[in-house]
C-alpha atoms as a PDB file:
ATOM      1  CA  MET A   1       0.180  -0.025   0.067  1.00  0.00           C
ATOM      2  CA  SER A   2       1.155   3.519  -1.050  1.00  0.00           C
ATOM      3  CA  ALA A   3       2.012   6.079   1.933  1.00  0.00           C
ATOM      4  CA  PRO A   4      -1.563   7.510   3.175  1.00  0.00           C
ATOM      5  CA  VAL A   5      -2.346  11.217   2.643  1.00  0.00           C
ATOM      6  CA  ILE A   6      -2.324  12.483   6.117  1.00  0.00           C
ATOM      7  CA  VAL A   7      -3.581  16.014   6.864  1.00  0.00           C
ATOM      8  CA  GLU A   8      -2.087  17.023  10.456  1.00  0.00           C
ATOM      9  CA  ALA A   9      -4.116  18.537  13.110  1.00  0.00           C
ATOM     10  CA  THR A  10      -3.706  22.512  13.172  1.00  0.00           C
ATOM     11  CA  VAL A  11      -3.522  22.453  17.177  1.00  0.00           C
ATOM     12  CA  LYS A  12      -2.603  19.974  19.090  1.00  0.00           C
ATOM     13  CA  GLN A  13      -3.393  16.400  17.875  1.00  0.00           C
ATOM     14  CA  THR A  14      -5.937  14.331  20.577  1.00  0.00           C
ATOM     15  CA  ALA A  15      -8.163  12.479  17.819  1.00  0.00           C
ATOM     16  CA  THR A  16      -7.881  10.866  14.476  1.00  0.00           C
ATOM     17  CA  LEU A  17     -10.141   9.971  11.674  1.00  0.00           C
ATOM     18  CA  ILE A  18      -9.089   7.577   9.262  1.00  0.00           C
ATOM     19  CA  PHE A  19     -11.174   7.716   6.026  1.00  0.00           C
ATOM     20  CA  MET A  20     -10.808   4.708   3.378  1.00  0.00           C
ATOM     21  CA  HIS A  21     -11.999   5.633  -0.271  1.00  0.00           C
ATOM     22  CA  GLY A  22     -14.469   3.900  -2.946  1.00  0.00           C
ATOM     23  CA  LEU A  23     -13.347   1.478  -5.623  1.00  0.00           C
ATOM     24  CA  GLY A  24     -10.649   3.023  -8.288  1.00  0.00           C
ATOM     25  CA  ASP A  25     -10.085   5.978  -6.106  1.00  0.00           C
ATOM     26  CA  THR A  26      -7.383   7.406  -3.818  1.00  0.00           C
ATOM     27  CA  GLY A  27      -6.876   8.935  -0.650  1.00  0.00           C
ATOM     28  CA  HIS A  28      -6.262  12.243  -2.111  1.00  0.00           C
ATOM     29  CA  SER A  29      -9.849  12.572  -3.370  1.00  0.00           C
ATOM     30  CA  TRP A  30     -11.274  12.875   0.216  1.00  0.00           C
ATOM     31  CA  SER A  31      -8.515  14.766   1.934  1.00  0.00           C
ATOM     32  CA  SER A  32      -9.594  18.414   1.201  1.00  0.00           C
ATOM     33  CA  ALA A  33     -13.347  17.828   1.900  1.00  0.00           C
ATOM     34  CA  LEU A  34     -12.421  16.090   5.465  1.00  0.00           C
ATOM     35  CA  ALA A  35     -10.108  18.589   6.259  1.00  0.00           C
ATOM     36  CA  ALA A  36     -12.726  21.210   5.769  1.00  0.00           C
ATOM     37  CA  ILE A  37     -14.929  19.724   8.168  1.00  0.00           C
ATOM     38  CA  ARG A  38     -12.849  18.116  11.039  1.00  0.00           C
ATOM     39  CA  PRO A  39     -12.363  19.666  14.428  1.00  0.00           C
ATOM     40  CA  PRO A  40      -8.503  21.418  14.767  1.00  0.00           C
ATOM     41  CA  PHE A  41      -7.198  19.005  16.961  1.00  0.00           C
ATOM     42  CA  MET A  42      -8.355  15.828  14.692  1.00  0.00           C
ATOM     43  CA  LYS A  43      -5.472  14.406  12.582  1.00  0.00           C
ATOM     44  CA  ILE A  44      -6.851  12.858   9.152  1.00  0.00           C
ATOM     45  CA  ILE A  45      -5.388   9.621   7.497  1.00  0.00           C
ATOM     46  CA  CYS A  46      -6.521   8.935   3.824  1.00  0.00           C
ATOM     47  CA  PRO A  47      -4.604   5.888   2.917  1.00  0.00           C
ATOM     48  CA  THR A  48      -4.953   4.426  -0.613  1.00  0.00           C
ATOM     49  CA  ALA A  49      -5.786   0.920  -1.324  1.00  0.00           C
ATOM     50  CA  PRO A  50      -3.310  -1.690  -3.287  1.00  0.00           C
ATOM     51  CA  THR A  51      -3.972  -1.680  -7.113  1.00  0.00           C
ATOM     52  CA  GLN A  52      -5.347  -5.199  -7.594  1.00  0.00           C
ATOM     53  CA  PRO A  53      -7.413  -7.176 -10.353  1.00  0.00           C
ATOM     54  CA  VAL A  54     -11.430  -6.509  -9.601  1.00  0.00           C
ATOM     55  CA  SER A  55     -13.561  -9.522 -10.838  1.00  0.00           C
ATOM     56  CA  LEU A  56     -16.951  -7.194 -11.003  1.00  0.00           C
ATOM     57  CA  ASN A  57     -14.603  -4.878 -13.633  1.00  0.00           C
ATOM     58  CA  ALA A  58     -13.653  -7.918 -15.767  1.00  0.00           C
ATOM     59  CA  GLY A  59     -10.082  -8.294 -13.751  1.00  0.00           C
ATOM     60  CA  PHE A  60      -8.939  -4.764 -14.694  1.00  0.00           C
ATOM     61  CA  ARG A  61      -6.391  -3.590 -12.121  1.00  0.00           C
ATOM     62  CA  MET A  62      -7.337  -0.802  -9.972  1.00  0.00           C
ATOM     63  CA  PRO A  63      -6.962   0.792  -6.063  1.00  0.00           C
ATOM     64  CA  SER A  64      -9.541  -1.727  -4.272  1.00  0.00           C
ATOM     65  CA  TRP A  65      -9.413  -2.503  -0.879  1.00  0.00           C
ATOM     66  CA  PHE A  66     -10.647  -6.089  -1.515  1.00  0.00           C
ATOM     67  CA  ASP A  67     -12.138  -8.006  -4.868  1.00  0.00           C
ATOM     68  CA  LEU A  68     -15.727  -7.362  -5.551  1.00  0.00           C
ATOM     69  CA  MET A  69     -17.244 -10.538  -7.510  1.00  0.00           C
ATOM     70  CA  THR A  70     -20.807  -8.762  -7.730  1.00  0.00           C
ATOM     71  CA  LEU A  71     -22.932  -6.403  -6.108  1.00  0.00           C
ATOM     72  CA  ASP A  72     -25.784  -9.115  -5.338  1.00  0.00           C
ATOM     73  CA  ILE A  73     -26.326  -8.727  -1.961  1.00  0.00           C
ATOM     74  CA  GLY A  74     -26.488 -12.479  -1.339  1.00  0.00           C
ATOM     75  CA  GLY A  75     -23.275 -13.157  -3.385  1.00  0.00           C
ATOM     76  CA  PRO A  76     -19.901 -14.661  -3.030  1.00  0.00           C
ATOM     77  CA  GLU A  77     -17.420 -12.626  -1.407  1.00  0.00           C
ATOM     78  CA  ASP A  78     -13.712 -11.950  -0.948  1.00  0.00           C
ATOM     79  CA  GLU A  79     -13.416 -13.082   2.720  1.00  0.00           C
ATOM     80  CA  PRO A  80      -9.536 -13.194   2.656  1.00  0.00           C
ATOM     81  CA  GLY A  81      -9.362 -10.041   0.951  1.00  0.00           C
ATOM     82  CA  ILE A  82     -11.911  -8.179   3.375  1.00  0.00           C
ATOM     83  CA  LYS A  83      -9.867  -9.741   6.355  1.00  0.00           C
ATOM     84  CA  SER A  84      -6.544  -8.824   5.096  1.00  0.00           C
ATOM     85  CA  ALA A  85      -7.656  -5.088   4.376  1.00  0.00           C
ATOM     86  CA  ARG A  86      -9.291  -4.951   7.924  1.00  0.00           C
ATOM     87  CA  ASP A  87      -5.725  -6.105   9.303  1.00  0.00           C
ATOM     88  CA  SER A  88      -4.301  -3.211   7.312  1.00  0.00           C
ATOM     89  CA  VAL A  89      -6.930  -0.963   9.043  1.00  0.00           C
ATOM     90  CA  HIS A  90      -6.215  -2.461  12.631  1.00  0.00           C
ATOM     91  CA  GLY A  91      -2.665  -1.642  11.959  1.00  0.00           C
ATOM     92  CA  MET A  92      -3.074   2.081  11.295  1.00  0.00           C
ATOM     93  CA  ILE A  93      -5.262   2.260  14.459  1.00  0.00           C
ATOM     94  CA  GLU A  94      -2.509   0.421  16.585  1.00  0.00           C
ATOM     95  CA  LYS A  95      -0.313   3.097  15.369  1.00  0.00           C
ATOM     96  CA  GLU A  96      -2.334   5.939  16.228  1.00  0.00           C
ATOM     97  CA  ILE A  97      -3.020   4.435  19.957  1.00  0.00           C
ATOM     98  CA  SER A  98       1.115   3.753  19.927  1.00  0.00           C
ATOM     99  CA  ALA A  99       1.391   7.808  19.380  1.00  0.00           C
ATOM    100  CA  GLY A 100      -0.955   8.307  22.390  1.00  0.00           C
ATOM    101  CA  ILE A 101      -4.407   8.891  20.898  1.00  0.00           C
ATOM    102  CA  PRO A 102      -6.693   6.407  22.846  1.00  0.00           C
ATOM    103  CA  ALA A 103      -8.944   4.116  20.461  1.00  0.00           C
ATOM    104  CA  ASP A 104     -12.295   6.188  21.959  1.00  0.00           C
ATOM    105  CA  ARG A 105     -10.672   9.031  19.942  1.00  0.00           C
ATOM    106  CA  ILE A 106     -10.216   7.493  16.524  1.00  0.00           C
ATOM    107  CA  VAL A 107     -13.139   7.732  14.162  1.00  0.00           C
ATOM    108  CA  LEU A 108     -13.051   4.909  11.022  1.00  0.00           C
ATOM    109  CA  GLY A 109     -14.603   6.215   8.083  1.00  0.00           C
ATOM    110  CA  GLY A 110     -15.329   5.536   4.320  1.00  0.00           C
ATOM    111  CA  PHE A 111     -17.015   5.675   1.272  1.00  0.00           C
ATOM    112  CA  SER A 112     -18.437   2.763  -0.578  1.00  0.00           C
ATOM    113  CA  GLN A 113     -16.331  -0.121  -0.976  1.00  0.00           C
ATOM    114  CA  GLY A 114     -14.201   1.722   1.619  1.00  0.00           C
ATOM    115  CA  GLY A 115     -17.136   2.089   3.892  1.00  0.00           C
ATOM    116  CA  ALA A 116     -17.899  -1.333   4.082  1.00  0.00           C
ATOM    117  CA  LEU A 117     -14.198  -1.716   4.973  1.00  0.00           C
ATOM    118  CA  ALA A 118     -14.697   1.054   7.847  1.00  0.00           C
ATOM    119  CA  LEU A 119     -17.772  -1.052   9.640  1.00  0.00           C
ATOM    120  CA  TYR A 120     -16.264  -4.345   9.240  1.00  0.00           C
ATOM    121  CA  SER A 121     -12.868  -3.213  10.704  1.00  0.00           C
ATOM    122  CA  ALA A 122     -14.494  -1.245  13.500  1.00  0.00           C
ATOM    123  CA  LEU A 123     -16.856  -4.256  14.423  1.00  0.00           C
ATOM    124  CA  THR A 124     -14.054  -6.921  14.417  1.00  0.00           C
ATOM    125  CA  TYR A 125     -11.746  -4.446  16.552  1.00  0.00           C
ATOM    126  CA  ASN A 126     -10.965  -5.522  20.312  1.00  0.00           C
ATOM    127  CA  GLN A 127     -11.736  -1.883  21.238  1.00  0.00           C
ATOM    128  CA  SER A 128     -14.320   0.552  21.270  1.00  0.00           C
ATOM    129  CA  LEU A 129     -13.500   3.396  18.700  1.00  0.00           C
ATOM    130  CA  ALA A 130     -15.036   6.743  18.844  1.00  0.00           C
ATOM    131  CA  GLY A 131     -17.641   5.823  16.095  1.00  0.00           C
ATOM    132  CA  VAL A 132     -17.928   4.798  12.435  1.00  0.00           C
ATOM    133  CA  VAL A 133     -19.089   7.054   9.298  1.00  0.00           C
ATOM    134  CA  ALA A 134     -20.309   4.941   6.608  1.00  0.00           C
ATOM    135  CA  LEU A 135     -21.250   6.625   3.589  1.00  0.00           C
ATOM    136  CA  SER A 136     -23.180   4.657   0.894  1.00  0.00           C
ATOM    137  CA  CYS A 137     -21.783   1.287   1.523  1.00  0.00           C
ATOM    138  CA  TRP A 138     -23.224  -2.014   3.214  1.00  0.00           C
ATOM    139  CA  LEU A 139     -21.881  -4.636   5.835  1.00  0.00           C
ATOM    140  CA  PRO A 140     -19.441  -7.023   4.357  1.00  0.00           C
ATOM    141  CA  LEU A 141     -19.554 -10.836   5.181  1.00  0.00           C
ATOM    142  CA  HIS A 142     -22.986  -9.748   6.917  1.00  0.00           C
ATOM    143  CA  LYS A 143     -24.122 -13.586   7.300  1.00  0.00           C
ATOM    144  CA  GLN A 144     -21.146 -13.917  10.035  1.00  0.00           C
ATOM    145  CA  PHE A 145     -22.718 -11.126  12.231  1.00  0.00           C
ATOM    146  CA  PRO A 146     -23.274 -10.816  15.108  1.00  0.00           C
ATOM    147  CA  GLY A 147     -21.306 -13.578  15.887  1.00  0.00           C
ATOM    148  CA  ALA A 148     -18.161 -11.960  14.108  1.00  0.00           C
ATOM    149  CA  LYS A 149     -18.628  -8.795  16.488  1.00  0.00           C
ATOM    150  CA  VAL A 150     -15.316  -8.319  18.913  1.00  0.00           C
ATOM    151  CA  THR A 151     -16.290  -4.472  19.802  1.00  0.00           C
ATOM    152  CA  GLY A 152     -18.572  -3.406  22.237  1.00  0.00           C
ATOM    153  CA  GLU A 153     -22.235  -2.644  21.430  1.00  0.00           C
ATOM    154  CA  ASP A 154     -22.420   0.876  22.267  1.00  0.00           C
ATOM    155  CA  VAL A 155     -19.964   2.049  19.467  1.00  0.00           C
ATOM    156  CA  PRO A 156     -21.831   4.951  17.174  1.00  0.00           C
ATOM    157  CA  ILE A 157     -22.616   4.133  13.835  1.00  0.00           C
ATOM    158  CA  PHE A 158     -23.217   6.944  11.193  1.00  0.00           C
ATOM    159  CA  GLN A 159     -24.914   5.478   8.130  1.00  0.00           C
ATOM    160  CA  ALA A 160     -25.782   7.568   5.195  1.00  0.00           C
ATOM    161  CA  HIS A 161     -27.058   6.702   1.956  1.00  0.00           C
ATOM    162  CA  GLY A 162     -28.627   8.378  -1.241  1.00  0.00           C
ATOM    163  CA  ASP A 163     -32.095   6.921  -2.444  1.00  0.00           C
ATOM    164  CA  TYR A 164     -30.977   7.166  -5.893  1.00  0.00           C
ATOM    165  CA  ASP A 165     -27.870   5.262  -5.925  1.00  0.00           C
ATOM    166  CA  PRO A 166     -27.340   3.342  -8.994  1.00  0.00           C
ATOM    167  CA  VAL A 167     -24.040   1.525  -7.695  1.00  0.00           C
ATOM    168  CA  VAL A 168     -24.757   0.425  -3.975  1.00  0.00           C
ATOM    169  CA  PRO A 169     -28.627   0.001  -4.029  1.00  0.00           C
ATOM    170  CA  TYR A 170     -30.036   2.252  -1.146  1.00  0.00           C
ATOM    171  CA  LYS A 171     -31.633  -0.904  -0.206  1.00  0.00           C
ATOM    172  CA  PHE A 172     -28.391  -2.532   0.520  1.00  0.00           C
ATOM    173  CA  GLY A 173     -28.080   0.302   3.125  1.00  0.00           C
ATOM    174  CA  GLN A 174     -31.335   0.061   4.418  1.00  0.00           C
ATOM    175  CA  LEU A 175     -30.587  -4.156   5.203  1.00  0.00           C
ATOM    176  CA  SER A 176     -27.518  -3.399   6.377  1.00  0.00           C
ATOM    177  CA  ALA A 177     -28.656  -0.454   8.867  1.00  0.00           C
ATOM    178  CA  SER A 178     -31.428  -3.144  10.123  1.00  0.00           C
ATOM    179  CA  LEU A 179     -28.763  -6.059  10.666  1.00  0.00           C
ATOM    180  CA  LEU A 180     -26.473  -3.483  12.817  1.00  0.00           C
ATOM    181  CA  LYS A 181     -29.509  -2.255  14.527  1.00  0.00           C
ATOM    182  CA  SER A 182     -29.925  -5.973  15.782  1.00  0.00           C
ATOM    183  CA  PHE A 183     -26.944  -6.116  17.646  1.00  0.00           C
ATOM    184  CA  MET A 184     -25.514  -2.363  18.128  1.00  0.00           C
ATOM    185  CA  LYS A 185     -27.067   0.205  20.336  1.00  0.00           C
ATOM    186  CA  ASN A 186     -26.211   3.346  18.248  1.00  0.00           C
ATOM    187  CA  VAL A 187     -26.844   3.456  14.816  1.00  0.00           C
ATOM    188  CA  THR A 188     -28.387   5.906  12.680  1.00  0.00           C
ATOM    189  CA  PHE A 189     -29.293   5.534   9.386  1.00  0.00           C
ATOM    190  CA  LYS A 190     -29.924   8.784   7.263  1.00  0.00           C
ATOM    191  CA  THR A 191     -31.270   8.914   3.772  1.00  0.00           C
ATOM    192  CA  TYR A 192     -30.421  11.400   1.347  1.00  0.00           C
ATOM    193  CA  ASN A 193     -33.454  12.022  -1.131  1.00  0.00           C
ATOM    194  CA  GLY A 194     -32.353  12.395  -4.618  1.00  0.00           C
ATOM    195  CA  LEU A 195     -28.710  11.476  -4.200  1.00  0.00           C
ATOM    196  CA  SER A 196     -26.835   9.049  -6.213  1.00  0.00           C
ATOM    197  CA  HIS A 197     -23.566   7.210  -5.838  1.00  0.00           C
ATOM    198  CA  SER A 198     -21.626  10.550  -4.305  1.00  0.00           C
ATOM    199  CA  SER A 199     -21.595  12.688  -1.352  1.00  0.00           C
ATOM    200  CA  SER A 200     -23.373  15.924  -1.121  1.00  0.00           C
ATOM    201  CA  GLU A 201     -23.040  19.404   1.194  1.00  0.00           C
ATOM    202  CA  ASP A 202     -25.626  18.049   3.598  1.00  0.00           C
ATOM    203  CA  GLU A 203     -24.158  14.805   4.030  1.00  0.00           C
ATOM    204  CA  MET A 204     -20.485  16.389   4.718  1.00  0.00           C
ATOM    205  CA  ASP A 205     -22.456  18.840   7.292  1.00  0.00           C
ATOM    206  CA  ASP A 206     -24.082  15.897   8.925  1.00  0.00           C
ATOM    207  CA  VAL A 207     -20.538  14.343   9.142  1.00  0.00           C
ATOM    208  CA  LYS A 208     -18.925  17.473  10.829  1.00  0.00           C
ATOM    209  CA  ASP A 209     -21.771  17.586  13.309  1.00  0.00           C
ATOM    210  CA  ILE A 210     -21.475  13.891  14.385  1.00  0.00           C
ATOM    211  CA  ILE A 211     -18.055  13.875  14.383  1.00  0.00           C
ATOM    212  CA  SER A 212     -18.232  16.994  16.551  1.00  0.00           C
ATOM    213  CA  LYS A 213     -20.495  14.993  19.104  1.00  0.00           C
ATOM    214  CA  TRP A 214     -18.524  11.982  19.196  1.00  0.00           C
ATOM    215  CA  GLN A 215     -15.328  13.782  20.229  1.00  0.00           C
ATOM    216  CA  GLN A 216     -17.283  16.171  22.731  1.00  0.00           C
ATOM    217  CA  LYS A 217     -18.511  12.784  24.397  1.00  0.00           C
ATOM    218  CA  ASN A 218     -14.840  11.320  24.205  1.00  0.00           C
ATOM    219  CA  ASN A 219     -13.230  14.301  25.499  1.00  0.00           C
ATOM    220  CA  HIS A 220      -9.756  13.443  27.225  1.00  0.00           C
ATOM    221  CA  LEU A 221      -8.736  16.901  27.670  1.00  0.00           C
END
């Protein structure tokens, strides 16, 4: 994996956001939008996925966290790839913890495939994170939950999805949220009317508010 894009905090760092991009994208594309909404004490890490063949795109090589065989919710999934990517994310979390940022001051986030990875990584991490921002995505390996859950049930999850999404169907987001609500205590699912497979100003404003709220709750200052 290439070096992540890092946006340092503008005052003393006391929190971190690790945010994963969608299929075929890079960390650069999200860094400036996130920098505009984060609190000044929060460092942002936007890694870029390794370039690998993607079955869904006829084996074409592109930045991808894991292989995608299909966008059918009941279809086969790249379990080894998902778990390998999860291990990389856990490594980034551990690095932040080693640098003095507690787990409950670290937010995981992502868009599309990156949001799916953020959800899976947070749920299978052995400490409770500050929260998960999951945009236009789904819960990978959903049939393994709640059994695969390792984290505490109080970790807040903010899931957002446009109801005109032609890539990751809105229904997938709804189904994932329903499943998450069955074993996690603090799940918010927000619909953005008319939004396709992208973000919007309204959504980013909501992400800003939710991150600020989580950080106030877990303030160690």
